[in-house]
Amino acid sequence: MWQCPKCGRDFKNANQGHYCKGSTTIDDYIAQAPEEHQETLRRVRDTIRAAAPDATECIKWQMPTFFQKENLIHFAHNKNHLGVYPGDGAVRAFAARLAAEGYKASKGSIQFPWSKPIPLELIAEIARFRVREVEELD
């Protein structure tokens, strides 16, 4: 058994990667990520913020979230990949491109492996797509 010194949670494996419960801001979330991924997470956040300037930032489902009329897009650090969660419509709209570029996607989620450069422009395009989707809700 291993106990996280920050949050006190018990885990089966020593030094198990996790996010301490209670992150209330994206800054806190990023600070809890492994140091080698923090700069990339900040760049992803800045990329989405620039693509969706009217969205508000929050934490939902323990993930950084951009909200504009509804949840636009979430992102999350995982052990082997960056998860981006723009919803099923966006994943379907970009499915061919994601497959052509070798990214794993399923209903509402995309995995960008840490072993490859994170495609910030593609993430920006997906965020802009989501903004257009929610603007059409009016």
C-alpha atoms as a PDB file:
ATOM      1  CA  MET A   1       0.000   0.000   0.000  1.00  0.00           C
ATOM      2  CA  TRP A   2       1.164   3.498  -0.812  1.00  0.00           C
ATOM      3  CA  GLN A   3      -0.333   6.735   0.481  1.00  0.00           C
ATOM      4  CA  CYS A   4      -0.076   9.971  -1.491  1.00  0.00           C
ATOM      5  CA  PRO A   5       1.676  12.535   0.700  1.00  0.00           C
ATOM      6  CA  LYS A   6      -0.399  15.357  -0.823  1.00  0.00           C
ATOM      7  CA  CYS A   7      -3.953  14.036  -0.590  1.00  0.00           C
ATOM      8  CA  GLY A   8      -3.620  11.057   1.744  1.00  0.00           C
ATOM      9  CA  ARG A   9      -5.342   8.597  -0.624  1.00  0.00           C
ATOM     10  CA  ASP A  10      -4.249   4.972  -0.411  1.00  0.00           C
ATOM     11  CA  PHE A  11      -3.164   3.084  -3.526  1.00  0.00           C
ATOM     12  CA  LYS A  12      -2.138  -0.474  -4.278  1.00  0.00           C
ATOM     13  CA  ASN A  13       1.010   0.559  -6.211  1.00  0.00           C
ATOM     14  CA  ALA A  14       3.811   2.770  -4.941  1.00  0.00           C
ATOM     15  CA  ASN A  15       3.934   6.242  -6.490  1.00  0.00           C
ATOM     16  CA  GLN A  16       0.799   5.545  -8.521  1.00  0.00           C
ATOM     17  CA  GLY A  17      -0.048   8.397 -10.864  1.00  0.00           C
ATOM     18  CA  HIS A  18      -3.262  10.189  -9.958  1.00  0.00           C
ATOM     19  CA  TYR A  19      -4.765  13.591  -9.394  1.00  0.00           C
ATOM     20  CA  CYS A  20      -5.358  14.544  -5.838  1.00  0.00           C
ATOM     21  CA  LYS A  21      -9.044  15.129  -5.296  1.00  0.00           C
ATOM     22  CA  GLY A  22     -10.016  18.648  -4.666  1.00  0.00           C
ATOM     23  CA  SER A  23      -8.418  20.434  -7.619  1.00  0.00           C
ATOM     24  CA  THR A  24     -10.604  23.445  -8.073  1.00  0.00           C
ATOM     25  CA  THR A  25      -8.632  25.221 -10.788  1.00  0.00           C
ATOM     26  CA  ILE A  26      -6.828  24.225 -13.926  1.00  0.00           C
ATOM     27  CA  ASP A  27      -3.637  25.646 -12.414  1.00  0.00           C
ATOM     28  CA  ASP A  28      -3.949  23.190  -9.499  1.00  0.00           C
ATOM     29  CA  TYR A  29      -4.665  20.337 -11.885  1.00  0.00           C
ATOM     30  CA  ILE A  30      -1.566  21.066 -13.980  1.00  0.00           C
ATOM     31  CA  ALA A  31       0.605  21.480 -10.875  1.00  0.00           C
ATOM     32  CA  GLN A  32      -0.366  17.946  -9.812  1.00  0.00           C
ATOM     33  CA  ALA A  33       0.636  16.414 -13.160  1.00  0.00           C
ATOM     34  CA  PRO A  34       4.090  14.910 -13.636  1.00  0.00           C
ATOM     35  CA  GLU A  35       6.612  17.687 -14.124  1.00  0.00           C
ATOM     36  CA  GLU A  36       7.621  16.465 -17.583  1.00  0.00           C
ATOM     37  CA  HIS A  37       4.063  17.055 -18.883  1.00  0.00           C
ATOM     38  CA  GLN A  38       3.156  20.305 -17.133  1.00  0.00           C
ATOM     39  CA  GLU A  39       4.435  22.620 -19.877  1.00  0.00           C
ATOM     40  CA  THR A  40       2.538  20.669 -22.541  1.00  0.00           C
ATOM     41  CA  LEU A  41      -0.637  20.834 -20.442  1.00  0.00           C
ATOM     42  CA  ARG A  42      -0.201  24.611 -20.117  1.00  0.00           C
ATOM     43  CA  ARG A  43       0.221  24.873 -23.898  1.00  0.00           C
ATOM     44  CA  VAL A  44      -2.924  22.779 -24.481  1.00  0.00           C
ATOM     45  CA  ARG A  45      -4.831  25.050 -22.104  1.00  0.00           C
ATOM     46  CA  ASP A  46      -3.539  28.180 -23.875  1.00  0.00           C
ATOM     47  CA  THR A  47      -4.399  26.660 -27.257  1.00  0.00           C
ATOM     48  CA  ILE A  48      -7.988  25.943 -26.239  1.00  0.00           C
ATOM     49  CA  ARG A  49      -8.321  29.329 -24.551  1.00  0.00           C
ATOM     50  CA  ALA A  50      -7.235  31.074 -27.775  1.00  0.00           C
ATOM     51  CA  ALA A  51      -9.606  28.953 -29.893  1.00  0.00           C
ATOM     52  CA  ALA A  52     -12.537  29.458 -27.519  1.00  0.00           C
ATOM     53  CA  PRO A  53     -11.978  32.923 -26.024  1.00  0.00           C
ATOM     54  CA  ASP A  54     -15.538  33.271 -24.689  1.00  0.00           C
ATOM     55  CA  ALA A  55     -15.460  29.965 -22.818  1.00  0.00           C
ATOM     56  CA  THR A  56     -15.011  29.853 -19.077  1.00  0.00           C
ATOM     57  CA  GLU A  57     -12.565  27.517 -17.391  1.00  0.00           C
ATOM     58  CA  CYS A  58     -13.562  25.112 -14.659  1.00  0.00           C
ATOM     59  CA  ILE A  59     -12.954  21.616 -13.350  1.00  0.00           C
ATOM     60  CA  LYS A  60     -15.651  19.065 -14.142  1.00  0.00           C
ATOM     61  CA  TRP A  61     -15.343  15.321 -13.672  1.00  0.00           C
ATOM     62  CA  GLN A  62     -11.914  16.098 -12.181  1.00  0.00           C
ATOM     63  CA  MET A  63     -10.699  17.407 -15.570  1.00  0.00           C
ATOM     64  CA  PRO A  64      -9.902  20.859 -16.948  1.00  0.00           C
ATOM     65  CA  THR A  65     -13.015  21.951 -18.811  1.00  0.00           C
ATOM     66  CA  PHE A  66     -13.947  24.824 -21.082  1.00  0.00           C
ATOM     67  CA  PHE A  67     -17.615  25.747 -20.834  1.00  0.00           C
ATOM     68  CA  GLN A  68     -19.682  27.864 -23.231  1.00  0.00           C
ATOM     69  CA  LYS A  69     -23.422  27.184 -23.002  1.00  0.00           C
ATOM     70  CA  GLU A  70     -22.350  23.574 -22.385  1.00  0.00           C
ATOM     71  CA  ASN A  71     -19.141  21.662 -21.866  1.00  0.00           C
ATOM     72  CA  LEU A  72     -17.092  22.460 -24.958  1.00  0.00           C
ATOM     73  CA  ILE A  73     -14.015  20.383 -24.372  1.00  0.00           C
ATOM     74  CA  HIS A  74     -12.158  18.682 -21.526  1.00  0.00           C
ATOM     75  CA  PHE A  75      -8.576  17.522 -21.398  1.00  0.00           C
ATOM     76  CA  ALA A  76      -6.805  15.209 -18.997  1.00  0.00           C
ATOM     77  CA  HIS A  77      -3.376  13.865 -18.248  1.00  0.00           C
ATOM     78  CA  ASN A  78      -3.145  10.095 -18.419  1.00  0.00           C
ATOM     79  CA  LYS A  79      -0.100   7.925 -17.905  1.00  0.00           C
ATOM     80  CA  ASN A  80       0.564   7.277 -21.605  1.00  0.00           C
ATOM     81  CA  HIS A  81      -1.459   9.957 -23.356  1.00  0.00           C
ATOM     82  CA  LEU A  82      -3.222  13.276 -23.247  1.00  0.00           C
ATOM     83  CA  GLY A  83      -6.947  12.703 -23.349  1.00  0.00           C
ATOM     84  CA  VAL A  84      -9.081  15.280 -25.138  1.00  0.00           C
ATOM     85  CA  TYR A  85     -12.843  15.015 -24.750  1.00  0.00           C
ATOM     86  CA  PRO A  86     -14.760  17.235 -27.202  1.00  0.00           C
ATOM     87  CA  GLY A  87     -17.867  15.069 -27.429  1.00  0.00           C
ATOM     88  CA  ASP A  88     -19.043  12.535 -29.954  1.00  0.00           C
ATOM     89  CA  GLY A  89     -19.998  14.987 -32.718  1.00  0.00           C
ATOM     90  CA  ALA A  90     -16.519  16.478 -32.864  1.00  0.00           C
ATOM     91  CA  VAL A  91     -14.849  13.075 -32.784  1.00  0.00           C
ATOM     92  CA  ARG A  92     -17.043  11.931 -35.696  1.00  0.00           C
ATOM     93  CA  ALA A  93     -16.302  15.141 -37.622  1.00  0.00           C
ATOM     94  CA  PHE A  94     -12.542  14.627 -37.259  1.00  0.00           C
ATOM     95  CA  ALA A  95     -12.541  10.802 -37.382  1.00  0.00           C
ATOM     96  CA  ALA A  96     -10.890  10.447 -40.788  1.00  0.00           C
ATOM     97  CA  ARG A  97      -8.126  12.903 -39.962  1.00  0.00           C
ATOM     98  CA  LEU A  98      -7.522  11.384 -36.530  1.00  0.00           C
ATOM     99  CA  ALA A  99      -7.274   7.913 -38.047  1.00  0.00           C
ATOM    100  CA  ALA A 100      -4.994   9.120 -40.858  1.00  0.00           C
ATOM    101  CA  GLU A 101      -2.656  10.701 -38.296  1.00  0.00           C
ATOM    102  CA  GLY A 102      -2.660   7.543 -36.165  1.00  0.00           C
ATOM    103  CA  TYR A 103      -4.581   8.798 -33.134  1.00  0.00           C
ATOM    104  CA  LYS A 104      -6.890   6.548 -31.161  1.00  0.00           C
ATOM    105  CA  ALA A 105     -10.421   7.878 -30.802  1.00  0.00           C
ATOM    106  CA  SER A 106     -13.651   6.509 -29.446  1.00  0.00           C
ATOM    107  CA  LYS A 107     -17.050   7.949 -28.633  1.00  0.00           C
ATOM    108  CA  GLY A 108     -16.321  11.474 -27.455  1.00  0.00           C
ATOM    109  CA  SER A 109     -12.621  11.001 -26.702  1.00  0.00           C
ATOM    110  CA  ILE A 110      -9.253  11.264 -28.399  1.00  0.00           C
ATOM    111  CA  GLN A 111      -5.888   9.977 -27.205  1.00  0.00           C
ATOM    112  CA  PHE A 112      -2.710  11.839 -28.107  1.00  0.00           C
ATOM    113  CA  PRO A 113       0.271   9.734 -26.956  1.00  0.00           C
ATOM    114  CA  TRP A 114       3.016  11.478 -25.001  1.00  0.00           C
ATOM    115  CA  SER A 115       5.518   9.685 -27.258  1.00  0.00           C
ATOM    116  CA  LYS A 116       4.546  11.987 -30.169  1.00  0.00           C
ATOM    117  CA  PRO A 117       4.383  15.789 -30.305  1.00  0.00           C
ATOM    118  CA  ILE A 118       0.950  16.954 -29.170  1.00  0.00           C
ATOM    119  CA  PRO A 119      -0.861  18.427 -32.226  1.00  0.00           C
ATOM    120  CA  LEU A 120      -1.840  21.805 -30.829  1.00  0.00           C
ATOM    121  CA  GLU A 121      -3.245  23.121 -34.118  1.00  0.00           C
ATOM    122  CA  LEU A 122      -5.508  20.082 -34.429  1.00  0.00           C
ATOM    123  CA  ILE A 123      -6.710  20.620 -30.852  1.00  0.00           C
ATOM    124  CA  ALA A 124      -7.395  24.272 -31.735  1.00  0.00           C
ATOM    125  CA  GLU A 125      -9.411  23.217 -34.802  1.00  0.00           C
ATOM    126  CA  ILE A 126     -11.456  20.812 -32.688  1.00  0.00           C
ATOM    127  CA  ALA A 127     -12.107  23.524 -30.085  1.00  0.00           C
ATOM    128  CA  ARG A 128     -13.187  25.992 -32.790  1.00  0.00           C
ATOM    129  CA  PHE A 129     -15.498  23.314 -34.222  1.00  0.00           C
ATOM    130  CA  ARG A 130     -17.095  22.920 -30.789  1.00  0.00           C
ATOM    131  CA  VAL A 131     -17.552  26.695 -30.471  1.00  0.00           C
ATOM    132  CA  ARG A 132     -19.368  26.732 -33.819  1.00  0.00           C
ATOM    133  CA  GLU A 133     -21.548  23.827 -32.656  1.00  0.00           C
ATOM    134  CA  VAL A 134     -22.687  25.603 -29.508  1.00  0.00           C
ATOM    135  CA  GLU A 135     -23.194  28.921 -31.306  1.00  0.00           C
ATOM    136  CA  GLU A 136     -25.684  27.127 -33.557  1.00  0.00           C
ATOM    137  CA  LEU A 137     -27.759  26.217 -30.477  1.00  0.00           C
ATOM    138  CA  ASP A 138     -29.300  29.702 -30.376  1.00  0.00           C
END
